[in-house]
């Protein structure tokens, strides 16, 4: 159980380094004046950010459900 908790913590803390580039992409696209491309990239960033949180929530739900059975 401790190993799983450690893996989850490492996974949750890892994306912090990679997320720094998203603001740079957004700034470059908005400075070009192409609003449609900038909007598409911004939506993509939001989707990429949301999916891991949804997956972790689903995993915690199934763990909670399994622990409640015991």
PDB file of N, CA and C in Angstrom:
ATOM      1  N   UNK A   1       0.828  -1.200   0.000  1.00  0.00           N
ATOM      2  CA  UNK A   1       0.000   0.000   0.000  1.00  0.00           C
ATOM      3  C   UNK A   1       0.871   1.262   0.000  1.00  0.00           C
ATOM      4  N   UNK A   2       1.975   1.227   0.764  1.00  0.00           N
ATOM      5  CA  UNK A   2       2.863   2.384   0.803  1.00  0.00           C
ATOM      6  C   UNK A   2       3.519   2.625  -0.543  1.00  0.00           C
ATOM      7  N   UNK A   3       3.831   1.556  -1.250  1.00  0.00           N
ATOM      8  CA  UNK A   3       4.466   1.683  -2.561  1.00  0.00           C
ATOM      9  C   UNK A   3       3.504   2.352  -3.549  1.00  0.00           C
ATOM     10  N   UNK A   4       2.240   1.987  -3.514  1.00  0.00           N
ATOM     11  CA  UNK A   4       1.247   2.587  -4.410  1.00  0.00           C
ATOM     12  C   UNK A   4       1.075   4.065  -4.090  1.00  0.00           C
ATOM     13  N   UNK A   5       1.022   4.397  -2.816  1.00  0.00           N
ATOM     14  CA  UNK A   5       0.896   5.792  -2.406  1.00  0.00           C
ATOM     15  C   UNK A   5       2.099   6.605  -2.864  1.00  0.00           C
ATOM     16  N   UNK A   6       3.281   6.055  -2.756  1.00  0.00           N
ATOM     17  CA  UNK A   6       4.494   6.742  -3.203  1.00  0.00           C
ATOM     18  C   UNK A   6       4.470   6.956  -4.716  1.00  0.00           C
ATOM     19  N   UNK A   7       4.042   5.956  -5.461  1.00  0.00           N
ATOM     20  CA  UNK A   7       3.959   6.080  -6.920  1.00  0.00           C
ATOM     21  C   UNK A   7       2.961   7.169  -7.305  1.00  0.00           C
ATOM     22  N   UNK A   8       1.829   7.219  -6.636  1.00  0.00           N
ATOM     23  CA  UNK A   8       0.819   8.230  -6.933  1.00  0.00           C
ATOM     24  C   UNK A   8       1.356   9.628  -6.644  1.00  0.00           C
ATOM     25  N   UNK A   9       2.055   9.788  -5.539  1.00  0.00           N
ATOM     26  CA  UNK A   9       2.616  11.094  -5.188  1.00  0.00           C
ATOM     27  C   UNK A   9       3.649  11.527  -6.216  1.00  0.00           C
ATOM     28  N   UNK A  10       4.512  10.614  -6.640  1.00  0.00           N
ATOM     29  CA  UNK A  10       5.529  10.949  -7.640  1.00  0.00           C
ATOM     30  C   UNK A  10       4.874  11.341  -8.960  1.00  0.00           C
ATOM     31  N   UNK A  11       3.860  10.614  -9.365  1.00  0.00           N
ATOM     32  CA  UNK A  11       3.171  10.923 -10.621  1.00  0.00           C
ATOM     33  C   UNK A  11       2.496  12.291 -10.544  1.00  0.00           C
ATOM     34  N   UNK A  12       1.895  12.614  -9.423  1.00  0.00           N
ATOM     35  CA  UNK A  12       1.216  13.897  -9.292  1.00  0.00           C
ATOM     36  C   UNK A  12       2.182  15.069  -9.260  1.00  0.00           C
ATOM     37  N   UNK A  13       3.381  14.869  -8.752  1.00  0.00           N
ATOM     38  CA  UNK A  13       4.352  15.955  -8.659  1.00  0.00           C
ATOM     39  C   UNK A  13       5.206  16.096  -9.910  1.00  0.00           C
ATOM     40  N   UNK A  14       5.284  15.094 -10.745  1.00  0.00           N
ATOM     41  CA  UNK A  14       6.129  15.121 -11.932  1.00  0.00           C
ATOM     42  C   UNK A  14       5.721  16.153 -12.977  1.00  0.00           C
ATOM     43  N   UNK A  15       4.448  16.338 -13.292  1.00  0.00           N
ATOM     44  CA  UNK A  15       4.086  17.255 -14.379  1.00  0.00           C
ATOM     45  C   UNK A  15       4.398  18.721 -14.106  1.00  0.00           C
ATOM     46  N   UNK A  16       4.770  19.074 -12.906  1.00  0.00           N
ATOM     47  CA  UNK A  16       5.045  20.468 -12.594  1.00  0.00           C
ATOM     48  C   UNK A  16       6.164  21.047 -13.453  1.00  0.00           C
ATOM     49  N   UNK A  17       7.158  20.264 -13.802  1.00  0.00           N
ATOM     50  CA  UNK A  17       8.268  20.738 -14.618  1.00  0.00           C
ATOM     51  C   UNK A  17       7.813  20.958 -16.054  1.00  0.00           C
ATOM     52  N   UNK A  18       7.051  20.041 -16.611  1.00  0.00           N
ATOM     53  CA  UNK A  18       6.599  20.136 -17.985  1.00  0.00           C
ATOM     54  C   UNK A  18       5.553  21.203 -18.220  1.00  0.00           C
ATOM     55  N   UNK A  19       4.801  21.591 -17.222  1.00  0.00           N
ATOM     56  CA  UNK A  19       3.723  22.569 -17.385  1.00  0.00           C
ATOM     57  C   UNK A  19       4.252  23.979 -17.617  1.00  0.00           C
ATOM     58  N   UNK A  20       5.528  24.221 -17.392  1.00  0.00           N
ATOM     59  CA  UNK A  20       6.080  25.559 -17.543  1.00  0.00           C
ATOM     60  C   UNK A  20       6.044  26.027 -18.991  1.00  0.00           C
ATOM     61  N   UNK A  21       6.062  25.136 -19.956  1.00  0.00           N
ATOM     62  CA  UNK A  21       6.096  25.516 -21.357  1.00  0.00           C
ATOM     63  C   UNK A  21       4.743  25.970 -21.881  1.00  0.00           C
ATOM     64  N   UNK A  22       3.658  25.613 -21.238  1.00  0.00           N
ATOM     65  CA  UNK A  22       2.336  25.946 -21.754  1.00  0.00           C
ATOM     66  C   UNK A  22       2.127  27.452 -21.878  1.00  0.00           C
ATOM     67  N   UNK A  23       2.568  28.228 -20.910  1.00  0.00           N
ATOM     68  CA  UNK A  23       2.400  29.679 -20.962  1.00  0.00           C
ATOM     69  C   UNK A  23       3.209  30.275 -22.106  1.00  0.00           C
ATOM     70  N   UNK A  24       4.371  29.706 -22.383  1.00  0.00           N
ATOM     71  CA  UNK A  24       5.196  30.209 -23.480  1.00  0.00           C
ATOM     72  C   UNK A  24       4.511  29.960 -24.823  1.00  0.00           C
ATOM     73  N   UNK A  25       3.956  28.770 -25.011  1.00  0.00           N
ATOM     74  CA  UNK A  25       3.245  28.467 -26.260  1.00  0.00           C
ATOM     75  C   UNK A  25       2.083  29.426 -26.449  1.00  0.00           C
ATOM     76  N   UNK A  26       1.369  29.666 -25.390  1.00  0.00           N
ATOM     77  CA  UNK A  26       0.208  30.557 -25.466  1.00  0.00           C
ATOM     78  C   UNK A  26       0.641  31.970 -25.846  1.00  0.00           C
ATOM     79  N   UNK A  27       1.696  32.473 -25.235  1.00  0.00           N
ATOM     80  CA  UNK A  27       2.159  33.830 -25.522  1.00  0.00           C
ATOM     81  C   UNK A  27       2.617  33.961 -26.976  1.00  0.00           C
ATOM     82  N   UNK A  28       3.325  32.978 -27.488  1.00  0.00           N
ATOM     83  CA  UNK A  28       3.799  33.029 -28.866  1.00  0.00           C
ATOM     84  C   UNK A  28       2.631  33.010 -29.841  1.00  0.00           C
ATOM     85  N   UNK A  29       1.658  32.155 -29.594  1.00  0.00           N
ATOM     86  CA  UNK A  29       0.512  32.073 -30.510  1.00  0.00           C
ATOM     87  C   UNK A  29      -0.340  33.336 -30.484  1.00  0.00           C
ATOM     88  N   UNK A  30      -0.507  33.925 -29.307  1.00  0.00           N
ATOM     89  CA  UNK A  30      -1.330  35.124 -29.224  1.00  0.00           C
ATOM     90  C   UNK A  30      -0.639  36.329 -29.843  1.00  0.00           C
ATOM     91  N   UNK A  31       0.683  36.355 -29.849  1.00  0.00           N
ATOM     92  CA  UNK A  31       1.396  37.485 -30.422  1.00  0.00           C
ATOM     93  C   UNK A  31       1.370  37.459 -31.949  1.00  0.00           C
ATOM     94  N   UNK A  32       1.137  36.295 -32.560  1.00  0.00           N
ATOM     95  CA  UNK A  32       1.073  36.190 -34.014  1.00  0.00           C
ATOM     96  C   UNK A  32      -0.193  36.803 -34.590  1.00  0.00           C
ATOM     97  N   UNK A  33      -1.226  36.949 -33.808  1.00  0.00           N
ATOM     98  CA  UNK A  33      -2.477  37.517 -34.295  1.00  0.00           C
ATOM     99  C   UNK A  33      -3.453  36.485 -34.838  1.00  0.00           C
ATOM    100  N   UNK A  34      -3.085  35.219 -34.842  1.00  0.00           N
ATOM    101  CA  UNK A  34      -3.977  34.163 -35.312  1.00  0.00           C
ATOM    102  C   UNK A  34      -4.791  33.667 -34.118  1.00  0.00           C
ATOM    103  N   UNK A  35      -5.946  34.263 -33.908  1.00  0.00           N
ATOM    104  CA  UNK A  35      -6.757  33.977 -32.724  1.00  0.00           C
ATOM    105  C   UNK A  35      -7.324  32.559 -32.740  1.00  0.00           C
ATOM    106  N   UNK A  36      -7.657  32.040 -33.914  1.00  0.00           N
ATOM    107  CA  UNK A  36      -8.240  30.699 -33.988  1.00  0.00           C
ATOM    108  C   UNK A  36      -7.230  29.637 -33.567  1.00  0.00           C
ATOM    109  N   UNK A  37      -5.990  29.771 -34.016  1.00  0.00           N
ATOM    110  CA  UNK A  37      -4.947  28.809 -33.625  1.00  0.00           C
ATOM    111  C   UNK A  37      -4.653  28.913 -32.139  1.00  0.00           C
ATOM    112  N   UNK A  38      -4.604  30.144 -31.626  1.00  0.00           N
ATOM    113  CA  UNK A  38      -4.345  30.343 -30.198  1.00  0.00           C
ATOM    114  C   UNK A  38      -5.450  29.717 -29.350  1.00  0.00           C
ATOM    115  N   UNK A  39      -6.690  29.889 -29.780  1.00  0.00           N
ATOM    116  CA  UNK A  39      -7.819  29.306 -29.041  1.00  0.00           C
ATOM    117  C   UNK A  39      -7.745  27.785 -29.053  1.00  0.00           C
ATOM    118  N   UNK A  40      -7.381  27.208 -30.185  1.00  0.00           N
ATOM    119  CA  UNK A  40      -7.247  25.752 -30.284  1.00  0.00           C
ATOM    120  C   UNK A  40      -6.146  25.210 -29.389  1.00  0.00           C
ATOM    121  N   UNK A  41      -5.023  25.888 -29.371  1.00  0.00           N
ATOM    122  CA  UNK A  41      -3.912  25.457 -28.505  1.00  0.00           C
ATOM    123  C   UNK A  41      -4.303  25.599 -27.042  1.00  0.00           C
ATOM    124  N   UNK A  42      -4.961  26.681 -26.692  1.00  0.00           N
ATOM    125  CA  UNK A  42      -5.382  26.877 -25.297  1.00  0.00           C
ATOM    126  C   UNK A  42      -6.364  25.786 -24.867  1.00  0.00           C
ATOM    127  N   UNK A  43      -7.284  25.412 -25.740  1.00  0.00           N
ATOM    128  CA  UNK A  43      -8.213  24.328 -25.417  1.00  0.00           C
ATOM    129  C   UNK A  43      -7.465  23.007 -25.255  1.00  0.00           C
ATOM    130  N   UNK A  44      -6.483  22.771 -26.099  1.00  0.00           N
ATOM    131  CA  UNK A  44      -5.673  21.560 -25.988  1.00  0.00           C
ATOM    132  C   UNK A  44      -4.932  21.493 -24.671  1.00  0.00           C
ATOM    133  N   UNK A  45      -4.414  22.624 -24.223  1.00  0.00           N
ATOM    134  CA  UNK A  45      -3.704  22.681 -22.947  1.00  0.00           C
ATOM    135  C   UNK A  45      -4.656  22.326 -21.805  1.00  0.00           C
ATOM    136  N   UNK A  46      -5.864  22.846 -21.851  1.00  0.00           N
ATOM    137  CA  UNK A  46      -6.846  22.557 -20.800  1.00  0.00           C
ATOM    138  C   UNK A  46      -7.198  21.068 -20.790  1.00  0.00           C
ATOM    139  N   UNK A  47      -7.393  20.474 -21.965  1.00  0.00           N
ATOM    140  CA  UNK A  47      -7.707  19.043 -22.031  1.00  0.00           C
ATOM    141  C   UNK A  47      -6.550  18.207 -21.508  1.00  0.00           C
ATOM    142  N   UNK A  48      -5.341  18.553 -21.892  1.00  0.00           N
ATOM    143  CA  UNK A  48      -4.176  17.801 -21.411  1.00  0.00           C
ATOM    144  C   UNK A  48      -4.011  17.930 -19.901  1.00  0.00           C
ATOM    145  N   UNK A  49      -4.412  19.070 -19.352  1.00  0.00           N
ATOM    146  CA  UNK A  49      -4.303  19.270 -17.910  1.00  0.00           C
ATOM    147  C   UNK A  49      -5.403  18.510 -17.162  1.00  0.00           C
ATOM    148  N   UNK A  50      -6.588  18.408 -17.726  1.00  0.00           N
ATOM    149  CA  UNK A  50      -7.728  17.829 -17.025  1.00  0.00           C
ATOM    150  C   UNK A  50      -7.704  16.301 -16.991  1.00  0.00           C
ATOM    151  N   UNK A  51      -7.221  15.668 -18.037  1.00  0.00           N
ATOM    152  CA  UNK A  51      -7.278  14.210 -18.147  1.00  0.00           C
ATOM    153  C   UNK A  51      -6.574  13.502 -16.982  1.00  0.00           C
ATOM    154  N   UNK A  52      -5.363  13.897 -16.582  1.00  0.00           N
ATOM    155  CA  UNK A  52      -4.740  13.194 -15.446  1.00  0.00           C
ATOM    156  C   UNK A  52      -5.546  13.307 -14.152  1.00  0.00           C
ATOM    157  N   UNK A  53      -6.153  14.456 -13.909  1.00  0.00           N
ATOM    158  CA  UNK A  53      -6.956  14.618 -12.700  1.00  0.00           C
ATOM    159  C   UNK A  53      -8.191  13.713 -12.730  1.00  0.00           C
ATOM    160  N   UNK A  54      -8.799  13.584 -13.881  1.00  0.00           N
ATOM    161  CA  UNK A  54      -9.950  12.695 -14.016  1.00  0.00           C
ATOM    162  C   UNK A  54      -9.529  11.248 -13.772  1.00  0.00           C
ATOM    163  N   UNK A  55      -8.403  10.845 -14.368  1.00  0.00           N
ATOM    164  CA  UNK A  55      -7.927   9.471 -14.191  1.00  0.00           C
ATOM    165  C   UNK A  55      -7.594   9.168 -12.729  1.00  0.00           C
ATOM    166  N   UNK A  56      -6.952  10.107 -12.059  1.00  0.00           N
ATOM    167  CA  UNK A  56      -6.628   9.902 -10.641  1.00  0.00           C
ATOM    168  C   UNK A  56      -7.904   9.820  -9.823  1.00  0.00           C
ATOM    169  N   UNK A  57      -8.893  10.635 -10.142  1.00  0.00           N
ATOM    170  CA  UNK A  57     -10.171  10.573  -9.431  1.00  0.00           C
ATOM    171  C   UNK A  57     -10.856   9.229  -9.606  1.00  0.00           C
ATOM    172  N   UNK A  58     -10.809   8.684 -10.819  1.00  0.00           N
ATOM    173  CA  UNK A  58     -11.407   7.376 -11.076  1.00  0.00           C
ATOM    174  C   UNK A  58     -10.674   6.292 -10.290  1.00  0.00           C
ATOM    175  N   UNK A  59      -9.346   6.356 -10.265  1.00  0.00           N
ATOM    176  CA  UNK A  59      -8.566   5.369  -9.514  1.00  0.00           C
ATOM    177  C   UNK A  59      -8.905   5.447  -8.032  1.00  0.00           C
ATOM    178  N   UNK A  60      -8.961   6.657  -7.478  1.00  0.00           N
ATOM    179  CA  UNK A  60      -9.293   6.796  -6.058  1.00  0.00           C
ATOM    180  C   UNK A  60     -10.712   6.300  -5.769  1.00  0.00           C
ATOM    181  N   UNK A  61     -11.629   6.503  -6.703  1.00  0.00           N
ATOM    182  CA  UNK A  61     -12.986   6.012  -6.517  1.00  0.00           C
ATOM    183  C   UNK A  61     -13.004   4.491  -6.406  1.00  0.00           C
ATOM    184  N   UNK A  62     -12.284   3.812  -7.321  1.00  0.00           N
ATOM    185  CA  UNK A  62     -12.257   2.357  -7.288  1.00  0.00           C
ATOM    186  C   UNK A  62     -11.520   1.839  -6.054  1.00  0.00           C
ATOM    187  N   UNK A  63     -10.483   2.528  -5.622  1.00  0.00           N
ATOM    188  CA  UNK A  63      -9.782   2.129  -4.395  1.00  0.00           C
ATOM    189  C   UNK A  63     -10.710   2.290  -3.204  1.00  0.00           C
ATOM    190  N   UNK A  64     -11.426   3.419  -3.143  1.00  0.00           N
ATOM    191  CA  UNK A  64     -12.376   3.648  -2.048  1.00  0.00           C
ATOM    192  C   UNK A  64     -13.463   2.580  -2.040  1.00  0.00           C
ATOM    193  N   UNK A  65     -13.972   2.262  -3.223  1.00  0.00           N
ATOM    194  CA  UNK A  65     -15.013   1.260  -3.338  1.00  0.00           C
ATOM    195  C   UNK A  65     -14.498  -0.111  -2.886  1.00  0.00           C
ATOM    196  N   UNK A  66     -13.264  -0.438  -3.261  1.00  0.00           N
ATOM    197  CA  UNK A  66     -12.670  -1.725  -2.867  1.00  0.00           C
ATOM    198  C   UNK A  66     -12.409  -1.770  -1.365  1.00  0.00           C
ATOM    199  N   UNK A  67     -11.953  -0.654  -0.787  1.00  0.00           N
ATOM    200  CA  UNK A  67     -11.670  -0.625   0.655  1.00  0.00           C
ATOM    201  C   UNK A  67     -12.976  -0.707   1.461  1.00  0.00           C
ATOM    202  N   UNK A  68     -14.048  -0.153   0.924  1.00  0.00           N
ATOM    203  CA  UNK A  68     -15.325  -0.174   1.621  1.00  0.00           C
ATOM    204  C   UNK A  68     -15.905  -1.590   1.659  1.00  0.00           C
ATOM    205  N   UNK A  69     -15.615  -2.411   0.619  1.00  0.00           N
ATOM    206  CA  UNK A  69     -16.071  -3.785   0.587  1.00  0.00           C
ATOM    207  C   UNK A  69     -15.443  -4.616   1.702  1.00  0.00           C
ATOM    208  N   UNK A  70     -14.191  -4.367   1.991  1.00  0.00           N
ATOM    209  CA  UNK A  70     -13.443  -5.195   2.951  1.00  0.00           C
ATOM    210  C   UNK A  70     -13.934  -5.075   4.363  1.00  0.00           C
TER     211      UNK A  70
END
